[in-house]
Structure formats: C-alpha cells, structure tokens
C-alpha cells in the first residue's frame, strides 16, 4: 500500500513539474529545464512509460537524454538558466524594496541557486 501511494505521489510531482516546465516556455521568468529534469527524475522512480515518453519529446528530449547519461547541461542552456534566475530574483528584490528581510532572504536563496547551477558540469 505504501509503495503504491509513493508511486502515485511521485507521478503527481513529475506531472506538476511538467506543467511548470511548460509554463516556463511561455513565461520568460520561469525556468523550464530544471522542472523537466525534476520530472525525469520522478518518472525514472515511478513510471517507465512516462520516463520514456519524456526522453522522446521533440523539444527537450535530447537535452534530457544528455542529462541522464552525462549529468551535464549544454553551455548555452546553462547561461540561459543563469539569466532567467538572476533576472527573476532581481525583479523580485526590486518589487520588495519595502522589506529588507525578504530581500535578504531572496539574496540568500539566489546565492544558493547560483552556487548549485555553477556546480553543474557543462558539455
């Protein structure tokens, strides 16, 4: 029973990640690739069918296959991720100029994100 519940929960998270990734294609401030990588990871643990479907998608399939095989991201894609993360966080910091603590929290989160993005190998 617990395994079945876990499987459905992970499939749900993968599906939600795909929806957020698709939304990221439309909205320039929402990153696409990290959501699809999360979905790929979820489906690898829960549904071989959805996992294979995601690997064969026309738009991101090759990038996801590279990620799965080599755990690397294309240099151009990594630069795009940097720009989207930086612009969205800086815009949020400007909007929240009345709250120094929230700005500080956003800067802290931004620092961690940039650190982890930097650690991803490039191909």
Foldseek 3Di string as FASTA:
>chain_A
DVVVVLLVVLQVQLVVLQVQLVVCVVDVLRHRVVSNLSSLVSCVVHPPVVNVVSLPDPPCNVQNVCCVVPVAGAPVSLVSVLVSLVVNLVVVLVVVVVDPVVNVVSVVVSVVVVVVSVPGHHD
